[in-house]
Amino acid sequence: MTTVHDEKIAEAARRKHRYSRIRRAKQILRPLPRRATLHRYPVLKFFAKAARQRPSLWSFKQAHISPALYIGCVLAFLPAYGVQIPIAILGAWVFKANLPLTVGLQFITNPFTMWLVYWFTFTVGQTFIDYWKLGGANNFLGAAYALVIGGIFVGLALALILDLAYRITMRNPKRKSVDVKRMLKK
């Protein structure tokens, strides 16, 4: 009799833990725009009707997350600060990617981190140009060229890492659930 009671207590504890995680996630995601509340945001209200008709923009399926990771990461490291979000919205629209993830990745480069990020992408881009002897100029255009090459390279590398991590963590092997009550009746 104690085993059934212990199993009920353990199941209740698992359920409580699971629902506490869901409540925490909902609390964190509450201020973000959703398909139903898109019309409330001043800039996005013009986009609301069209966005509600494209379910791929809000889907967390693998087919919509992978393009969002690649578009968002590459765009976040390109020297396009200030116009990244409109380009991210357009990229998510064109490539049927997850919109919140694509736009959220643009906040990697914010006013506090953009100096370090752009210095790093410039260094990577210049190293890449020197190694492959692509012939960058030593003026403003050469620096912009190094920033773009480095931004693409760093963005693709980070997107590959995030995509692999997402695929590994979201892998869902089909396990048959065990019905303990039925097993005990036998």
N, C-alpha and C. Protein backbone atom coordinates (compact mmCIF):
# COMPACT_ATOMS: atom_id res chain seq x y z
N MET A 1 0.81 -1.19 0.00
CA MET A 1 0.00 0.00 0.00
C MET A 1 0.86 1.27 0.00
N THR A 2 2.00 1.18 0.63
CA THR A 2 2.86 2.36 0.69
C THR A 2 3.48 2.67 -0.67
N THR A 3 3.70 1.66 -1.51
CA THR A 3 4.31 1.93 -2.81
C THR A 3 3.37 2.74 -3.70
N VAL A 4 2.08 2.42 -3.67
CA VAL A 4 1.12 3.18 -4.47
C VAL A 4 1.04 4.61 -3.94
N HIS A 5 1.04 4.75 -2.63
CA HIS A 5 0.98 6.07 -2.02
C HIS A 5 2.25 6.86 -2.34
N ASP A 6 3.40 6.20 -2.27
CA ASP A 6 4.66 6.86 -2.60
C ASP A 6 4.70 7.27 -4.06
N GLU A 7 4.17 6.44 -4.92
CA GLU A 7 4.14 6.77 -6.35
C GLU A 7 3.23 7.97 -6.61
N LYS A 8 2.12 8.04 -5.90
CA LYS A 8 1.22 9.20 -6.06
C LYS A 8 1.91 10.47 -5.59
N ILE A 9 2.63 10.38 -4.50
CA ILE A 9 3.35 11.55 -4.00
C ILE A 9 4.44 11.97 -4.99
N ALA A 10 5.17 10.99 -5.50
CA ALA A 10 6.22 11.29 -6.48
C ALA A 10 5.63 11.89 -7.75
N GLU A 11 4.51 11.36 -8.20
CA GLU A 11 3.85 11.91 -9.40
C GLU A 11 3.39 13.35 -9.15
N ALA A 12 2.84 13.59 -7.97
CA ALA A 12 2.41 14.95 -7.63
C ALA A 12 3.60 15.91 -7.59
N ALA A 13 4.72 15.45 -7.08
CA ALA A 13 5.92 16.29 -7.03
C ALA A 13 6.44 16.58 -8.44
N ARG A 14 6.42 15.57 -9.32
CA ARG A 14 6.85 15.79 -10.71
C ARG A 14 5.93 16.78 -11.41
N ARG A 15 4.62 16.62 -11.19
CA ARG A 15 3.66 17.52 -11.80
C ARG A 15 3.85 18.95 -11.29
N LYS A 16 4.06 19.09 -10.00
CA LYS A 16 4.27 20.42 -9.42
C LYS A 16 5.53 21.07 -9.99
N HIS A 17 6.59 20.29 -10.12
CA HIS A 17 7.83 20.81 -10.68
C HIS A 17 7.64 21.22 -12.14
N ARG A 18 6.94 20.40 -12.90
CA ARG A 18 6.71 20.69 -14.32
C ARG A 18 5.89 21.97 -14.48
N TYR A 19 4.82 22.09 -13.72
CA TYR A 19 3.97 23.26 -13.86
C TYR A 19 4.63 24.51 -13.31
N SER A 20 5.53 24.38 -12.35
CA SER A 20 6.25 25.56 -11.87
C SER A 20 7.18 26.07 -12.96
N ARG A 21 7.81 25.16 -13.73
CA ARG A 21 8.65 25.59 -14.85
C ARG A 21 7.82 26.28 -15.92
N ILE A 22 6.63 25.75 -16.20
CA ILE A 22 5.77 26.36 -17.21
C ILE A 22 5.32 27.74 -16.75
N ARG A 23 4.96 27.88 -15.47
CA ARG A 23 4.55 29.19 -14.95
C ARG A 23 5.68 30.19 -15.03
N ARG A 24 6.91 29.75 -14.71
CA ARG A 24 8.06 30.63 -14.80
C ARG A 24 8.29 31.08 -16.24
N ALA A 25 8.21 30.16 -17.18
CA ALA A 25 8.41 30.51 -18.59
C ALA A 25 7.34 31.48 -19.07
N LYS A 26 6.10 31.26 -18.67
CA LYS A 26 5.02 32.18 -19.06
C LYS A 26 5.24 33.56 -18.47
N GLN A 27 5.73 33.62 -17.24
CA GLN A 27 5.97 34.90 -16.60
C GLN A 27 7.08 35.66 -17.32
N ILE A 28 8.12 34.95 -17.74
CA ILE A 28 9.22 35.59 -18.45
C ILE A 28 8.77 36.07 -19.83
N LEU A 29 7.95 35.26 -20.51
CA LEU A 29 7.54 35.58 -21.89
C LEU A 29 6.34 36.53 -21.96
N ARG A 30 5.73 36.86 -20.83
CA ARG A 30 4.52 37.68 -20.84
C ARG A 30 4.69 39.02 -21.55
N PRO A 31 5.77 39.79 -21.35
CA PRO A 31 5.85 41.09 -22.01
C PRO A 31 6.16 41.03 -23.51
N LEU A 32 6.55 39.88 -24.03
CA LEU A 32 6.90 39.78 -25.45
C LEU A 32 5.65 39.78 -26.32
N PRO A 33 5.74 40.31 -27.53
CA PRO A 33 4.59 40.27 -28.43
C PRO A 33 4.25 38.85 -28.84
N ARG A 34 2.99 38.56 -28.85
CA ARG A 34 2.49 37.27 -29.32
C ARG A 34 1.54 37.53 -30.47
N ARG A 35 1.14 36.48 -31.11
CA ARG A 35 0.26 36.63 -32.26
C ARG A 35 -1.04 37.34 -31.86
N ALA A 36 -1.57 37.03 -30.69
CA ALA A 36 -2.84 37.61 -30.25
C ALA A 36 -2.70 39.05 -29.78
N THR A 37 -1.53 39.47 -29.30
CA THR A 37 -1.36 40.81 -28.75
C THR A 37 -0.52 41.72 -29.64
N LEU A 38 -0.29 41.32 -30.85
CA LEU A 38 0.57 42.09 -31.75
C LEU A 38 0.00 43.47 -32.06
N HIS A 39 -1.30 43.59 -32.10
CA HIS A 39 -1.94 44.86 -32.45
C HIS A 39 -1.74 45.93 -31.39
N ARG A 40 -1.33 45.58 -30.19
CA ARG A 40 -1.15 46.54 -29.10
C ARG A 40 0.16 47.31 -29.19
N TYR A 41 1.11 46.82 -29.95
CA TYR A 41 2.42 47.45 -30.04
C TYR A 41 2.40 48.49 -31.16
N PRO A 42 2.86 49.73 -30.86
CA PRO A 42 2.72 50.82 -31.83
C PRO A 42 3.37 50.55 -33.18
N VAL A 43 4.58 50.05 -33.21
CA VAL A 43 5.28 49.83 -34.47
C VAL A 43 4.75 48.60 -35.19
N LEU A 44 4.39 47.59 -34.43
CA LEU A 44 4.01 46.31 -35.02
C LEU A 44 2.54 46.22 -35.42
N LYS A 45 1.71 47.20 -35.03
CA LYS A 45 0.29 47.07 -35.33
C LYS A 45 -0.01 47.10 -36.83
N PHE A 46 0.86 47.73 -37.62
CA PHE A 46 0.66 47.74 -39.06
C PHE A 46 0.98 46.38 -39.67
N PHE A 47 1.76 45.63 -38.98
CA PHE A 47 2.23 44.33 -39.42
C PHE A 47 1.35 43.20 -38.87
N ALA A 48 0.44 43.53 -37.94
CA ALA A 48 -0.29 42.52 -37.15
C ALA A 48 -1.16 41.60 -38.00
N LYS A 49 -1.95 42.16 -38.90
CA LYS A 49 -2.87 41.34 -39.67
C LYS A 49 -2.13 40.33 -40.54
N ALA A 50 -1.10 40.79 -41.22
CA ALA A 50 -0.33 39.89 -42.07
C ALA A 50 0.43 38.85 -41.25
N ALA A 51 0.92 39.24 -40.08
CA ALA A 51 1.69 38.30 -39.24
C ALA A 51 0.80 37.21 -38.66
N ARG A 52 -0.44 37.53 -38.36
CA ARG A 52 -1.35 36.51 -37.82
C ARG A 52 -1.68 35.45 -38.86
N GLN A 53 -1.58 35.80 -40.12
CA GLN A 53 -1.92 34.87 -41.20
C GLN A 53 -0.75 33.95 -41.56
N ARG A 54 0.43 34.20 -41.00
CA ARG A 54 1.60 33.37 -41.29
C ARG A 54 2.00 32.61 -40.03
N PRO A 55 1.48 31.42 -39.83
CA PRO A 55 1.79 30.67 -38.61
C PRO A 55 3.26 30.28 -38.48
N SER A 56 3.99 30.27 -39.57
CA SER A 56 5.41 29.91 -39.49
C SER A 56 6.21 30.94 -38.70
N LEU A 57 5.72 32.17 -38.63
CA LEU A 57 6.43 33.21 -37.89
C LEU A 57 6.39 32.96 -36.38
N TRP A 58 5.45 32.16 -35.92
CA TRP A 58 5.28 31.94 -34.49
C TRP A 58 5.54 30.49 -34.10
N SER A 59 5.92 29.67 -35.03
CA SER A 59 6.10 28.25 -34.79
C SER A 59 7.47 27.95 -34.19
N PHE A 60 7.49 27.02 -33.23
CA PHE A 60 8.76 26.59 -32.64
C PHE A 60 9.15 25.21 -33.13
N LYS A 61 8.72 24.86 -34.34
CA LYS A 61 9.14 23.61 -34.95
C LYS A 61 10.56 23.77 -35.49
N GLN A 62 11.24 22.66 -35.63
CA GLN A 62 12.62 22.67 -36.10
C GLN A 62 12.76 23.36 -37.46
N ALA A 63 11.78 23.17 -38.32
CA ALA A 63 11.85 23.76 -39.66
C ALA A 63 11.80 25.28 -39.63
N HIS A 64 11.29 25.87 -38.56
CA HIS A 64 11.20 27.33 -38.45
C HIS A 64 12.25 27.91 -37.51
N ILE A 65 12.79 27.08 -36.62
CA ILE A 65 13.80 27.56 -35.69
C ILE A 65 15.18 27.64 -36.34
N SER A 66 15.54 26.65 -37.13
CA SER A 66 16.87 26.65 -37.76
C SER A 66 17.11 27.87 -38.64
N PRO A 67 16.19 28.22 -39.55
CA PRO A 67 16.44 29.43 -40.33
C PRO A 67 16.48 30.68 -39.46
N ALA A 68 15.68 30.70 -38.40
CA ALA A 68 15.69 31.86 -37.50
C ALA A 68 17.03 32.02 -36.82
N LEU A 69 17.63 30.91 -36.41
CA LEU A 69 18.95 30.97 -35.78
C LEU A 69 20.00 31.50 -36.75
N TYR A 70 20.00 30.99 -37.97
CA TYR A 70 21.02 31.42 -38.93
C TYR A 70 20.81 32.87 -39.36
N ILE A 71 19.59 33.24 -39.66
CA ILE A 71 19.31 34.63 -40.07
C ILE A 71 19.64 35.58 -38.92
N GLY A 72 19.16 35.24 -37.74
CA GLY A 72 19.35 36.12 -36.59
C GLY A 72 20.80 36.28 -36.18
N CYS A 73 21.55 35.18 -36.14
CA CYS A 73 22.96 35.27 -35.73
C CYS A 73 23.80 36.01 -36.75
N VAL A 74 23.63 35.70 -38.01
CA VAL A 74 24.43 36.39 -39.03
C VAL A 74 24.11 37.87 -39.04
N LEU A 75 22.85 38.21 -38.97
CA LEU A 75 22.45 39.61 -38.99
C LEU A 75 22.89 40.35 -37.72
N ALA A 76 22.92 39.66 -36.59
CA ALA A 76 23.33 40.29 -35.35
C ALA A 76 24.80 40.71 -35.38
N PHE A 77 25.63 39.98 -36.12
CA PHE A 77 27.05 40.29 -36.14
C PHE A 77 27.46 41.14 -37.35
N LEU A 78 26.54 41.43 -38.25
CA LEU A 78 26.85 42.31 -39.37
C LEU A 78 26.81 43.76 -38.89
N PRO A 79 27.59 44.64 -39.49
CA PRO A 79 27.60 46.05 -39.07
C PRO A 79 26.38 46.80 -39.62
N ALA A 80 25.22 46.44 -39.13
CA ALA A 80 23.98 47.08 -39.58
C ALA A 80 23.18 47.56 -38.38
N TYR A 81 23.88 48.02 -37.34
CA TYR A 81 23.21 48.42 -36.12
C TYR A 81 22.23 49.56 -36.40
N GLY A 82 21.04 49.41 -35.92
CA GLY A 82 20.00 50.42 -36.13
C GLY A 82 18.95 49.97 -37.12
N VAL A 83 19.32 49.15 -38.07
CA VAL A 83 18.34 48.63 -39.03
C VAL A 83 18.24 47.11 -38.96
N GLN A 84 18.81 46.54 -37.91
CA GLN A 84 18.81 45.08 -37.79
C GLN A 84 17.40 44.53 -37.61
N ILE A 85 16.59 45.15 -36.78
CA ILE A 85 15.27 44.59 -36.50
C ILE A 85 14.37 44.61 -37.73
N PRO A 86 14.28 45.72 -38.48
CA PRO A 86 13.47 45.65 -39.71
C PRO A 86 13.99 44.60 -40.71
N ILE A 87 15.31 44.47 -40.81
CA ILE A 87 15.86 43.46 -41.72
C ILE A 87 15.54 42.06 -41.18
N ALA A 88 15.59 41.89 -39.85
CA ALA A 88 15.27 40.59 -39.24
C ALA A 88 13.80 40.22 -39.49
N ILE A 89 12.92 41.20 -39.38
CA ILE A 89 11.49 40.95 -39.65
C ILE A 89 11.31 40.53 -41.10
N LEU A 90 11.95 41.24 -42.00
CA LEU A 90 11.87 40.89 -43.42
C LEU A 90 12.48 39.51 -43.68
N GLY A 91 13.62 39.21 -43.06
CA GLY A 91 14.24 37.90 -43.24
C GLY A 91 13.37 36.77 -42.71
N ALA A 92 12.75 36.98 -41.56
CA ALA A 92 11.85 35.96 -41.01
C ALA A 92 10.65 35.77 -41.92
N TRP A 93 10.17 36.82 -42.49
CA TRP A 93 9.02 36.75 -43.38
C TRP A 93 9.37 35.98 -44.65
N VAL A 94 10.50 36.30 -45.25
CA VAL A 94 10.88 35.69 -46.52
C VAL A 94 11.25 34.22 -46.35
N PHE A 95 12.00 33.90 -45.29
CA PHE A 95 12.50 32.53 -45.13
C PHE A 95 11.62 31.66 -44.23
N LYS A 96 10.44 32.15 -43.86
CA LYS A 96 9.49 31.42 -43.01
C LYS A 96 10.17 30.95 -41.72
N ALA A 97 10.80 31.89 -41.05
CA ALA A 97 11.52 31.60 -39.81
C ALA A 97 10.73 32.13 -38.62
N ASN A 98 11.11 31.70 -37.43
CA ASN A 98 10.46 32.13 -36.21
C ASN A 98 10.81 33.60 -35.95
N LEU A 99 9.80 34.44 -35.93
CA LEU A 99 10.00 35.88 -35.79
C LEU A 99 10.54 36.30 -34.42
N PRO A 100 9.97 35.85 -33.30
CA PRO A 100 10.51 36.29 -32.01
C PRO A 100 11.99 35.91 -31.81
N LEU A 101 12.38 34.75 -32.27
CA LEU A 101 13.78 34.34 -32.13
C LEU A 101 14.69 35.17 -33.03
N THR A 102 14.26 35.40 -34.25
CA THR A 102 15.08 36.18 -35.18
C THR A 102 15.29 37.60 -34.66
N VAL A 103 14.21 38.21 -34.18
CA VAL A 103 14.32 39.57 -33.65
C VAL A 103 15.07 39.57 -32.32
N GLY A 104 14.83 38.59 -31.49
CA GLY A 104 15.51 38.53 -30.20
C GLY A 104 17.01 38.40 -30.31
N LEU A 105 17.48 37.71 -31.31
CA LEU A 105 18.92 37.56 -31.51
C LEU A 105 19.60 38.88 -31.88
N GLN A 106 18.82 39.85 -32.31
CA GLN A 106 19.41 41.13 -32.68
C GLN A 106 19.90 41.91 -31.47
N PHE A 107 19.45 41.52 -30.30
CA PHE A 107 19.87 42.21 -29.09
C PHE A 107 21.22 41.73 -28.58
N ILE A 108 21.87 40.84 -29.32
CA ILE A 108 23.26 40.48 -29.00
C ILE A 108 24.12 41.74 -29.11
N THR A 109 23.86 42.50 -30.17
CA THR A 109 24.58 43.76 -30.34
C THR A 109 23.68 44.89 -29.87
N ASN A 110 23.96 45.37 -28.69
CA ASN A 110 23.25 46.52 -28.13
C ASN A 110 24.28 47.61 -27.88
N PRO A 111 23.88 48.78 -27.46
CA PRO A 111 24.87 49.86 -27.28
C PRO A 111 26.01 49.53 -26.32
N PHE A 112 25.82 48.59 -25.43
CA PHE A 112 26.86 48.23 -24.48
C PHE A 112 27.84 47.20 -25.05
N THR A 113 27.34 46.31 -25.89
CA THR A 113 28.19 45.22 -26.38
C THR A 113 28.66 45.41 -27.82
N MET A 114 28.10 46.36 -28.53
CA MET A 114 28.43 46.44 -29.96
C MET A 114 29.89 46.78 -30.21
N TRP A 115 30.52 47.54 -29.32
CA TRP A 115 31.93 47.88 -29.54
C TRP A 115 32.82 46.64 -29.45
N LEU A 116 32.57 45.82 -28.46
CA LEU A 116 33.35 44.59 -28.32
C LEU A 116 33.03 43.60 -29.44
N VAL A 117 31.75 43.48 -29.78
CA VAL A 117 31.34 42.54 -30.83
C VAL A 117 31.92 42.95 -32.17
N TYR A 118 31.83 44.24 -32.50
CA TYR A 118 32.34 44.68 -33.79
C TYR A 118 33.87 44.63 -33.84
N TRP A 119 34.55 44.88 -32.73
CA TRP A 119 36.00 44.72 -32.70
C TRP A 119 36.36 43.26 -32.95
N PHE A 120 35.64 42.34 -32.29
CA PHE A 120 35.91 40.91 -32.46
C PHE A 120 35.64 40.47 -33.90
N THR A 121 34.51 40.89 -34.49
CA THR A 121 34.22 40.49 -35.87
C THR A 121 35.22 41.10 -36.85
N PHE A 122 35.67 42.33 -36.56
CA PHE A 122 36.70 42.93 -37.41
C PHE A 122 37.99 42.12 -37.36
N THR A 123 38.38 41.72 -36.13
CA THR A 123 39.61 40.94 -35.97
C THR A 123 39.51 39.59 -36.69
N VAL A 124 38.37 38.93 -36.52
CA VAL A 124 38.17 37.65 -37.20
C VAL A 124 38.16 37.85 -38.71
N GLY A 125 37.47 38.88 -39.18
CA GLY A 125 37.40 39.15 -40.62
C GLY A 125 38.75 39.49 -41.20
N GLN A 126 39.53 40.30 -40.50
CA GLN A 126 40.87 40.66 -40.99
C GLN A 126 41.78 39.45 -41.02
N THR A 127 41.67 38.58 -40.01
CA THR A 127 42.47 37.34 -39.98
C THR A 127 42.07 36.44 -41.15
N PHE A 128 40.78 36.33 -41.39
CA PHE A 128 40.27 35.53 -42.50
C PHE A 128 40.77 36.08 -43.84
N ILE A 129 40.72 37.39 -44.01
CA ILE A 129 41.17 38.03 -45.26
C ILE A 129 42.66 37.82 -45.45
N ASP A 130 43.44 37.99 -44.37
CA ASP A 130 44.89 37.81 -44.49
C ASP A 130 45.25 36.35 -44.77
N TYR A 131 44.57 35.42 -44.13
CA TYR A 131 44.89 34.00 -44.32
C TYR A 131 44.58 33.55 -45.75
N TRP A 132 43.43 33.95 -46.26
CA TRP A 132 43.04 33.53 -47.60
C TRP A 132 43.51 34.49 -48.69
N LYS A 133 44.21 35.53 -48.29
CA LYS A 133 44.78 36.53 -49.22
C LYS A 133 43.69 37.07 -50.16
N LEU A 134 42.61 37.55 -49.54
CA LEU A 134 41.50 38.10 -50.31
C LEU A 134 41.73 39.54 -50.70
N GLY A 135 42.76 40.18 -50.17
CA GLY A 135 43.14 41.52 -50.60
C GLY A 135 42.21 42.61 -50.14
N GLY A 136 42.12 42.82 -48.86
CA GLY A 136 41.32 43.92 -48.33
C GLY A 136 42.11 45.22 -48.39
N ALA A 137 41.41 46.32 -48.59
CA ALA A 137 42.06 47.63 -48.64
C ALA A 137 42.34 48.10 -47.22
N ASN A 138 43.24 49.08 -47.09
CA ASN A 138 43.60 49.60 -45.77
C ASN A 138 42.86 50.89 -45.44
N ASN A 139 41.74 51.11 -46.03
CA ASN A 139 40.97 52.31 -45.75
C ASN A 139 39.63 51.93 -45.12
N PHE A 140 38.69 52.84 -45.16
CA PHE A 140 37.37 52.60 -44.56
C PHE A 140 36.66 51.41 -45.21
N LEU A 141 36.75 51.28 -46.51
CA LEU A 141 36.10 50.17 -47.20
C LEU A 141 36.73 48.83 -46.81
N GLY A 142 38.03 48.81 -46.57
CA GLY A 142 38.70 47.60 -46.12
C GLY A 142 38.23 47.19 -44.74
N ALA A 143 38.03 48.18 -43.85
CA ALA A 143 37.53 47.88 -42.51
C ALA A 143 36.09 47.37 -42.57
N ALA A 144 35.28 47.98 -43.42
CA ALA A 144 33.90 47.52 -43.58
C ALA A 144 33.86 46.12 -44.16
N TYR A 145 34.76 45.84 -45.12
CA TYR A 145 34.86 44.52 -45.72
C TYR A 145 35.22 43.48 -44.66
N ALA A 146 36.19 43.82 -43.80
CA ALA A 146 36.60 42.91 -42.73
C ALA A 146 35.46 42.70 -41.73
N LEU A 147 34.71 43.76 -41.44
CA LEU A 147 33.56 43.64 -40.52
C LEU A 147 32.49 42.71 -41.10
N VAL A 148 32.22 42.85 -42.37
CA VAL A 148 31.20 42.01 -43.00
C VAL A 148 31.65 40.56 -43.06
N ILE A 149 32.87 40.33 -43.50
CA ILE A 149 33.39 38.95 -43.57
C ILE A 149 33.42 38.33 -42.17
N GLY A 150 33.92 39.06 -41.19
CA GLY A 150 33.96 38.55 -39.82
C GLY A 150 32.58 38.34 -39.24
N GLY A 151 31.65 39.25 -39.55
CA GLY A 151 30.27 39.10 -39.07
C GLY A 151 29.59 37.87 -39.62
N ILE A 152 29.80 37.61 -40.89
CA ILE A 152 29.21 36.42 -41.51
C ILE A 152 29.83 35.16 -40.90
N PHE A 153 31.15 35.16 -40.77
CA PHE A 153 31.85 33.98 -40.24
C PHE A 153 31.45 33.71 -38.78
N VAL A 154 31.49 34.72 -37.93
CA VAL A 154 31.15 34.55 -36.51
C VAL A 154 29.66 34.21 -36.37
N GLY A 155 28.81 34.87 -37.16
CA GLY A 155 27.37 34.59 -37.10
C GLY A 155 27.05 33.16 -37.49
N LEU A 156 27.67 32.68 -38.56
CA LEU A 156 27.43 31.29 -38.98
C LEU A 156 27.97 30.29 -37.96
N ALA A 157 29.12 30.60 -37.36
CA ALA A 157 29.68 29.70 -36.35
C ALA A 157 28.77 29.62 -35.12
N LEU A 158 28.31 30.77 -34.63
CA LEU A 158 27.42 30.77 -33.47
C LEU A 158 26.09 30.11 -33.81
N ALA A 159 25.57 30.37 -35.00
CA ALA A 159 24.30 29.76 -35.41
C ALA A 159 24.43 28.25 -35.50
N LEU A 160 25.54 27.76 -36.01
CA LEU A 160 25.76 26.31 -36.08
C LEU A 160 25.78 25.69 -34.68
N ILE A 161 26.47 26.33 -33.76
CA ILE A 161 26.53 25.83 -32.38
C ILE A 161 25.14 25.84 -31.75
N LEU A 162 24.40 26.93 -31.90
CA LEU A 162 23.06 27.02 -31.32
C LEU A 162 22.10 26.04 -31.97
N ASP A 163 22.22 25.86 -33.28
CA ASP A 163 21.35 24.92 -33.98
C ASP A 163 21.59 23.49 -33.52
N LEU A 164 22.86 23.11 -33.40
CA LEU A 164 23.17 21.77 -32.91
C LEU A 164 22.70 21.58 -31.47
N ALA A 165 22.89 22.59 -30.64
CA ALA A 165 22.41 22.50 -29.25
C ALA A 165 20.90 22.36 -29.20
N TYR A 166 20.20 23.10 -30.05
CA TYR A 166 18.74 23.01 -30.09
C TYR A 166 18.30 21.63 -30.55
N ARG A 167 18.94 21.12 -31.58
CA ARG A 167 18.57 19.80 -32.08
C ARG A 167 18.82 18.70 -31.05
N ILE A 168 19.93 18.81 -30.33
CA ILE A 168 20.24 17.80 -29.32
C ILE A 168 19.27 17.88 -28.15
N THR A 169 18.98 19.07 -27.68
CA THR A 169 18.10 19.19 -26.51
C THR A 169 16.65 18.91 -26.86
N MET A 170 16.24 19.16 -28.08
CA MET A 170 14.84 18.95 -28.44
C MET A 170 14.58 17.59 -29.06
N ARG A 171 15.62 16.77 -29.14
CA ARG A 171 15.41 15.42 -29.66
C ARG A 171 14.47 14.70 -28.72
N ASN A 172 13.42 14.17 -29.25
CA ASN A 172 12.39 13.55 -28.41
C ASN A 172 12.23 12.10 -28.81
N PRO A 173 12.97 11.21 -28.17
CA PRO A 173 12.78 9.80 -28.51
C PRO A 173 11.40 9.34 -28.07
N LYS A 174 10.77 8.59 -28.90
CA LYS A 174 9.41 8.10 -28.59
C LYS A 174 9.52 6.99 -27.57
N ARG A 175 9.19 7.32 -26.35
CA ARG A 175 9.21 6.32 -25.29
C ARG A 175 7.78 5.98 -24.93
N LYS A 176 7.56 4.75 -24.73
CA LYS A 176 6.24 4.31 -24.34
C LYS A 176 6.09 4.56 -22.84
N SER A 177 5.02 5.24 -22.47
CA SER A 177 4.82 5.54 -21.06
C SER A 177 4.47 4.27 -20.30
N VAL A 178 4.87 4.23 -19.05
CA VAL A 178 4.64 3.06 -18.21
C VAL A 178 3.44 3.35 -17.33
N ASP A 179 2.45 2.48 -17.40
CA ASP A 179 1.27 2.60 -16.55
C ASP A 179 1.46 1.70 -15.34
N VAL A 180 1.83 2.30 -14.22
CA VAL A 180 2.16 1.54 -13.03
C VAL A 180 0.92 0.85 -12.46
N LYS A 181 -0.20 1.53 -12.49
CA LYS A 181 -1.44 0.93 -11.94
C LYS A 181 -1.81 -0.35 -12.68
N ARG A 182 -1.68 -0.33 -13.99
CA ARG A 182 -2.00 -1.51 -14.78
C ARG A 182 -1.02 -2.64 -14.48
N MET A 183 0.23 -2.29 -14.27
CA MET A 183 1.24 -3.30 -13.97
C MET A 183 0.98 -3.96 -12.61
N LEU A 184 0.52 -3.16 -11.65
CA LEU A 184 0.27 -3.70 -10.33
C LEU A 184 -0.96 -4.61 -10.29
N LYS A 185 -1.91 -4.40 -11.17
CA LYS A 185 -3.12 -5.22 -11.21
C LYS A 185 -2.83 -6.62 -11.70
N LYS A 186 -1.79 -6.79 -12.49
CA LYS A 186 -1.49 -8.11 -13.07
C LYS A 186 -0.98 -9.07 -12.08
